Amino acid sequence: MTELLEKTNIEEFIDPDGTPCVRIGGIENFLVSQVFDCGQCFRFDPVEGSNYQSEFEGVALGRYVRFRQNTPDMLEIYNSTLSDYESMWKHYLSLDEDYTAVRADIAERFNTACGHIDMVMPEAMKYGEGIRILRQEPWEAVCSFIVSQNNNIPRIKKIISDMSRVYGTPIEHNGNTYYTFPTATALANAGVEGLFSLKTGFRAKYIYDAARKVIEGDIDFDEILAASPDRAMEILLTIKGVGPKVASCAMLFGFGKTEAFPIDVWIKRVLAKYYPEGLDISKLGKYAGIAQQYLFYYERYQN
């Protein structure tokens, strides 16, 4: 058992509106505001008028859920029992991963990868100390990052919200309706025209191709989960319109392959700005993708 889990204490309680909740104390390296606003997922938004310092709501794993904090060492999960936390949310939030050890590994490897004592990554990890990589559902990650191509986050979120509303399954909670992410079958049945009507643009045919390949078994998520990073990349690149960046994002955020290091315009900027003499990404090891997220967040939000 890791140091994190040894220090964690968990209790169930009932929210004033009658909804079951879980409170986890003693957590480290987890901030709701950073986890859900660092560009890794697109179905969560801040709760307006929240009484918490930070509270985000959305749909994940087929459930409406809220994650909220008043202090960095405490997390509350709204609409969750203790059993739900143990079977779903602990893994989804990467709270079963020792990020103290992860961060130490990243810092050590960056010195080797850049050929000197690196000062940037320690600053980036301090700035984004609450970031953890979510373990999202594979299909949602693949489809979401296809939508992300040449797109900005507000527009990505709008497209995915509309897609879920039109083709997902309704979830009722306290008089409000939310929607699950659409299945591959639902999006394949929508056809290219149906997907295009959601303002997906040129991405419509890519989403449709991905959906058809999943239905027909050409894309097997279990195979990708078990595959080496190189093989996983090879499989994902067979989807029309999916290049290395989208495939790497899907691997990192949907298949738990933290070795994947997506390179987009932000990371290109980081590499040119902070590592003009080069950074050997092949030497970053198992947590290269987590390091990438620290760099991305640092460059995008520090100013």
Protein backbone atom coordinates (compact mmCIF):
# COMPACT_ATOMS: atom_id res chain seq x y z
CA MET A 1 0.00 0.00 0.00
CA THR A 2 1.35 3.42 -0.92
CA GLU A 3 1.96 6.23 1.54
CA LEU A 4 -0.98 8.09 -0.02
CA LEU A 5 -3.45 5.29 0.57
CA GLU A 6 -2.19 4.67 4.10
CA LYS A 7 -2.95 8.30 5.02
CA THR A 8 -6.32 8.43 3.28
CA ASN A 9 -9.51 8.27 5.33
CA ILE A 10 -12.94 7.88 3.78
CA GLU A 11 -16.48 8.40 5.04
CA GLU A 12 -19.95 8.32 3.57
CA PHE A 13 -22.54 11.00 4.25
CA ILE A 14 -25.82 12.29 2.83
CA ASP A 15 -25.95 15.68 1.12
CA PRO A 16 -28.73 18.06 2.30
CA ASP A 17 -30.64 17.26 -0.91
CA GLY A 18 -30.64 13.55 0.02
CA THR A 19 -27.90 12.45 -2.37
CA PRO A 20 -25.21 10.01 -1.14
CA CYS A 21 -21.69 11.43 -1.01
CA VAL A 22 -18.19 10.34 -0.08
CA ARG A 23 -15.56 12.43 1.66
CA ILE A 24 -11.90 11.44 1.23
CA GLY A 25 -9.38 13.06 3.55
CA GLY A 26 -5.61 12.94 3.54
CA ILE A 27 -5.20 13.09 -0.24
CA GLU A 28 -2.18 14.68 -1.90
CA ASN A 29 -1.42 16.12 -5.33
CA PHE A 30 -5.08 16.48 -6.30
CA LEU A 31 -6.89 19.74 -7.00
CA VAL A 32 -10.31 19.62 -8.61
CA SER A 33 -9.72 22.98 -10.31
CA GLN A 34 -6.59 21.68 -12.05
CA VAL A 35 -7.69 18.13 -12.83
CA PHE A 36 -10.87 19.27 -14.57
CA ASP A 37 -9.54 22.42 -16.21
CA CYS A 38 -6.26 21.28 -17.73
CA GLY A 39 -7.57 20.20 -21.14
CA GLN A 40 -7.71 16.45 -20.55
CA CYS A 41 -11.51 16.08 -20.45
CA PHE A 42 -14.39 18.05 -21.89
CA ARG A 43 -17.55 17.11 -19.96
CA PHE A 44 -17.02 18.94 -16.67
CA ASP A 45 -17.77 22.54 -15.75
CA PRO A 46 -17.58 24.66 -12.57
CA VAL A 47 -20.76 24.61 -10.47
CA GLU A 48 -22.23 28.10 -10.45
CA GLY A 49 -22.89 29.49 -7.00
CA SER A 50 -21.08 26.64 -5.28
CA ASN A 51 -20.40 26.90 -1.55
CA TYR A 52 -17.11 25.09 -2.08
CA GLN A 53 -13.77 26.62 -2.96
CA SER A 54 -13.79 24.44 -6.08
CA GLU A 55 -16.60 22.28 -7.47
CA PHE A 56 -17.00 20.76 -10.92
CA GLU A 57 -19.94 18.74 -12.25
CA GLY A 58 -20.35 16.50 -15.26
CA VAL A 59 -20.96 12.99 -16.53
CA ALA A 60 -18.39 10.21 -16.44
CA LEU A 61 -18.62 6.42 -16.51
CA GLY A 62 -22.32 6.78 -17.28
CA ARG A 63 -23.02 8.75 -14.08
CA TYR A 64 -23.78 12.34 -13.15
CA VAL A 65 -21.23 13.35 -10.53
CA ARG A 66 -19.68 16.35 -8.78
CA PHE A 67 -16.16 16.64 -7.41
CA ARG A 68 -15.61 19.34 -4.83
CA GLN A 69 -12.97 20.69 -2.42
CA ASN A 70 -12.53 23.25 0.30
CA THR A 71 -8.97 22.25 1.19
CA PRO A 72 -6.25 20.53 -0.89
CA ASP A 73 -6.21 17.45 1.35
CA MET A 74 -9.97 16.80 1.17
CA LEU A 75 -12.17 15.69 -1.72
CA GLU A 76 -15.92 15.16 -1.74
CA ILE A 77 -17.68 13.15 -4.42
CA TYR A 78 -21.36 13.96 -4.78
CA ASN A 79 -23.68 11.17 -5.99
CA SER A 80 -21.33 8.40 -4.89
CA THR A 81 -21.44 5.69 -2.26
CA LEU A 82 -18.32 4.22 -0.67
CA SER A 83 -18.77 1.20 -2.93
CA ASP A 84 -18.91 3.48 -5.99
CA TYR A 85 -15.71 5.19 -4.91
CA GLU A 86 -13.85 1.91 -4.47
CA SER A 87 -15.12 0.40 -7.73
CA MET A 88 -15.19 3.48 -9.98
CA TRP A 89 -13.93 6.84 -8.84
CA LYS A 90 -10.69 5.93 -7.12
CA HIS A 91 -9.38 4.45 -10.37
CA TYR A 92 -10.98 7.13 -12.59
CA LEU A 93 -9.33 9.92 -10.57
CA SER A 94 -5.98 8.07 -10.33
CA LEU A 95 -6.19 8.20 -6.55
CA ASP A 96 -4.78 4.68 -6.53
CA GLU A 97 -1.50 6.02 -7.97
CA ASP A 98 1.35 7.34 -5.81
CA TYR A 99 2.00 10.71 -7.43
CA THR A 100 4.79 11.54 -4.99
CA ALA A 101 6.76 8.69 -6.53
CA VAL A 102 5.60 9.65 -10.03
CA ARG A 103 6.82 13.23 -9.60
CA ALA A 104 10.18 12.11 -8.25
CA ASP A 105 10.65 9.83 -11.27
CA ILE A 106 9.76 12.64 -13.67
CA ALA A 107 12.20 15.09 -12.06
CA GLU A 108 15.06 12.61 -12.21
CA ARG A 109 14.43 11.61 -15.81
CA PHE A 110 14.16 15.20 -17.03
CA ASN A 111 17.73 15.87 -15.93
CA THR A 112 18.86 12.97 -18.11
CA ALA A 113 16.57 13.85 -21.00
CA CYS A 114 17.79 17.45 -21.29
CA GLY A 115 21.41 16.74 -20.37
CA HIS A 116 21.61 19.12 -17.39
CA ILE A 117 19.95 19.96 -14.09
CA ASP A 118 16.48 20.93 -15.25
CA MET A 119 14.80 23.87 -13.54
CA VAL A 120 11.65 24.01 -15.67
CA MET A 121 9.96 20.75 -14.72
CA PRO A 122 10.23 21.34 -10.95
CA GLU A 123 8.54 24.72 -11.48
CA ALA A 124 5.88 23.16 -13.73
CA MET A 125 5.15 20.41 -11.19
CA LYS A 126 4.87 22.98 -8.40
CA TYR A 127 2.53 25.13 -10.49
CA GLY A 128 0.35 22.15 -11.48
CA GLU A 129 0.79 20.19 -8.25
CA GLY A 130 -2.86 19.12 -8.20
CA ILE A 131 -2.95 17.55 -11.67
CA ARG A 132 -3.65 13.84 -12.02
CA ILE A 133 -4.37 12.05 -15.27
CA LEU A 134 -7.96 10.83 -15.41
CA ARG A 135 -8.62 7.31 -16.64
CA GLN A 136 -11.46 8.05 -19.01
CA GLU A 137 -13.50 5.57 -21.01
CA PRO A 138 -11.59 4.59 -24.17
CA TRP A 139 -14.34 5.33 -26.67
CA GLU A 140 -15.06 8.75 -25.19
CA ALA A 141 -11.34 9.61 -25.25
CA VAL A 142 -10.89 8.51 -28.86
CA CYS A 143 -13.94 10.40 -30.07
CA SER A 144 -13.28 13.52 -27.96
CA PHE A 145 -9.74 13.96 -29.24
CA ILE A 146 -10.87 13.47 -32.82
CA VAL A 147 -13.23 16.40 -32.14
CA SER A 148 -10.30 18.34 -30.63
CA GLN A 149 -8.40 18.53 -33.92
CA ASN A 150 -7.77 22.16 -34.93
CA ASN A 151 -10.30 23.25 -32.34
CA ASN A 152 -10.46 25.29 -29.13
CA ILE A 153 -11.68 23.98 -25.78
CA PRO A 154 -14.99 25.92 -25.58
CA ARG A 155 -15.97 24.71 -29.05
CA ILE A 156 -14.85 21.14 -28.32
CA LYS A 157 -17.00 21.12 -25.17
CA LYS A 158 -20.01 22.52 -27.07
CA ILE A 159 -19.77 19.88 -29.80
CA ILE A 160 -19.40 17.03 -27.30
CA SER A 161 -22.27 18.39 -25.18
CA ASP A 162 -24.54 18.56 -28.23
CA MET A 163 -23.43 15.13 -29.39
CA SER A 164 -24.30 13.67 -25.98
CA ARG A 165 -27.63 15.48 -25.82
CA VAL A 166 -28.71 14.24 -29.26
CA TYR A 167 -27.25 10.73 -29.27
CA GLY A 168 -26.52 9.89 -25.63
CA THR A 169 -28.78 8.37 -22.97
CA PRO A 170 -30.64 10.73 -20.60
CA ILE A 171 -29.80 10.68 -16.88
CA GLU A 172 -32.28 12.26 -14.48
CA HIS A 173 -31.05 13.74 -11.21
CA ASN A 174 -33.01 16.05 -8.90
CA GLY A 175 -35.23 17.25 -11.72
CA ASN A 176 -32.39 17.92 -14.16
CA THR A 177 -31.45 15.92 -17.24
CA TYR A 178 -27.88 15.01 -18.15
CA TYR A 179 -26.60 12.75 -20.91
CA THR A 180 -24.11 9.93 -21.21
CA PHE A 181 -21.49 10.02 -23.93
CA PRO A 182 -22.94 8.35 -27.08
CA THR A 183 -21.97 4.79 -27.88
CA ALA A 184 -20.10 3.95 -31.07
CA THR A 185 -23.30 2.34 -32.38
CA ALA A 186 -25.32 5.50 -31.77
CA LEU A 187 -22.80 7.67 -33.63
CA ALA A 188 -22.45 5.20 -36.49
CA ASN A 189 -26.23 5.18 -36.86
CA ALA A 190 -26.20 8.99 -36.95
CA GLY A 191 -24.15 8.81 -40.14
CA VAL A 192 -21.79 11.45 -41.47
CA GLU A 193 -24.65 13.88 -42.15
CA GLY A 194 -26.02 13.57 -38.63
CA LEU A 195 -22.60 14.15 -37.15
CA PHE A 196 -21.93 17.05 -39.52
CA SER A 197 -25.16 18.72 -38.35
CA LEU A 198 -23.55 19.04 -34.90
CA LYS A 199 -20.96 21.39 -36.45
CA THR A 200 -18.19 18.82 -36.31
CA GLY A 201 -17.05 19.92 -39.77
CA PHE A 202 -14.39 17.78 -41.47
CA ARG A 203 -14.23 15.68 -38.28
CA ALA A 204 -17.65 14.11 -38.99
CA LYS A 205 -16.22 11.54 -41.37
CA TYR A 206 -13.43 10.72 -38.91
CA ILE A 207 -15.86 10.15 -36.04
CA TYR A 208 -18.01 7.99 -38.28
CA ASP A 209 -15.01 5.94 -39.40
CA ALA A 210 -13.93 5.41 -35.79
CA ALA A 211 -17.44 4.35 -34.79
CA ARG A 212 -17.70 1.87 -37.68
CA LYS A 213 -14.28 0.38 -36.93
CA VAL A 214 -15.24 -0.12 -33.27
CA ILE A 215 -18.54 -1.80 -34.20
CA GLU A 216 -16.93 -4.05 -36.77
CA GLY A 217 -14.10 -5.06 -34.44
CA ASP A 218 -11.28 -3.46 -36.41
CA ILE A 219 -10.59 -1.34 -33.32
CA ASP A 220 -10.51 -3.55 -30.24
CA PHE A 221 -10.17 -1.58 -27.01
CA ASP A 222 -9.05 -4.61 -25.02
CA GLU A 223 -6.28 -5.20 -27.55
CA ILE A 224 -5.15 -1.58 -27.26
CA LEU A 225 -5.22 -1.70 -23.46
CA ALA A 226 -2.99 -4.78 -23.47
CA ALA A 227 -0.71 -3.62 -26.29
CA SER A 228 2.66 -1.94 -26.10
CA PRO A 229 2.62 1.82 -26.71
CA ASP A 230 3.99 1.33 -30.24
CA ARG A 231 1.34 -1.26 -31.10
CA ALA A 232 -1.44 0.83 -29.54
CA MET A 233 -0.34 3.78 -31.67
CA GLU A 234 -0.29 1.58 -34.78
CA ILE A 235 -3.88 0.43 -34.18
CA LEU A 236 -5.25 3.92 -33.49
CA LEU A 237 -3.58 5.34 -36.60
CA THR A 238 -5.78 3.06 -38.73
CA ILE A 239 -8.72 5.38 -37.95
CA LYS A 240 -9.29 7.88 -40.73
CA GLY A 241 -7.98 11.31 -39.79
CA VAL A 242 -6.20 10.16 -36.62
CA GLY A 243 -2.55 11.18 -36.49
CA PRO A 244 0.12 10.77 -33.81
CA LYS A 245 -1.13 13.67 -31.67
CA VAL A 246 -4.75 12.45 -31.42
CA ALA A 247 -3.61 8.84 -30.98
CA SER A 248 -1.22 9.88 -28.20
CA CYS A 249 -3.98 11.80 -26.40
CA ALA A 250 -6.33 8.82 -26.63
CA MET A 251 -3.59 6.53 -25.31
CA LEU A 252 -2.78 8.84 -22.40
CA PHE A 253 -6.28 9.81 -21.32
CA GLY A 254 -8.31 6.78 -22.37
CA PHE A 255 -6.02 3.76 -22.25
CA GLY A 256 -3.81 4.51 -19.25
CA LYS A 257 -0.63 4.59 -21.33
CA THR A 258 1.20 7.30 -19.44
CA GLU A 259 4.26 6.80 -21.65
CA ALA A 260 2.43 8.63 -24.45
CA PHE A 261 3.68 12.20 -24.97
CA PRO A 262 1.25 14.18 -27.17
CA ILE A 263 2.89 17.01 -29.08
CA ASP A 264 0.59 19.89 -30.01
CA VAL A 265 1.23 23.58 -30.63
CA TRP A 266 1.58 24.25 -26.89
CA ILE A 267 4.18 21.52 -26.39
CA LYS A 268 6.07 22.60 -29.50
CA ARG A 269 6.20 26.06 -27.96
CA VAL A 270 7.41 24.61 -24.63
CA LEU A 271 10.15 22.58 -26.28
CA ALA A 272 11.38 25.54 -28.33
CA LYS A 273 11.20 27.97 -25.39
CA TYR A 274 12.65 25.90 -22.54
CA TYR A 275 14.65 23.17 -24.28
CA PRO A 276 16.23 24.80 -27.35
CA GLU A 277 19.15 22.38 -27.14
CA GLY A 278 16.78 19.45 -27.22
CA LEU A 279 14.80 17.13 -24.95
CA ASP A 280 15.12 13.39 -25.50
CA ILE A 281 11.51 12.31 -24.97
CA SER A 282 12.51 8.65 -25.27
CA LYS A 283 14.31 9.02 -21.93
CA LEU A 284 11.27 10.28 -20.02
CA GLY A 285 10.06 6.78 -19.21
CA LYS A 286 6.72 5.51 -17.97
CA TYR A 287 5.35 8.91 -16.89
CA ALA A 288 6.26 10.99 -19.94
CA GLY A 289 2.60 11.83 -20.57
CA ILE A 290 2.08 13.07 -17.02
CA ALA A 291 5.16 15.26 -17.46
CA GLN A 292 3.66 16.56 -20.70
CA GLN A 293 0.53 17.60 -18.85
CA TYR A 294 2.53 19.54 -16.26
CA LEU A 295 4.36 21.38 -19.06
CA PHE A 296 1.14 22.07 -20.96
CA TYR A 297 -0.62 23.46 -17.89
CA TYR A 298 2.41 25.53 -16.86
CA GLU A 299 2.79 27.18 -20.25
CA ARG A 300 -0.92 27.72 -20.85
CA TYR A 301 -1.99 29.10 -17.47
CA GLN A 302 0.98 30.62 -15.66
CA ASN A 303 0.44 34.01 -17.28
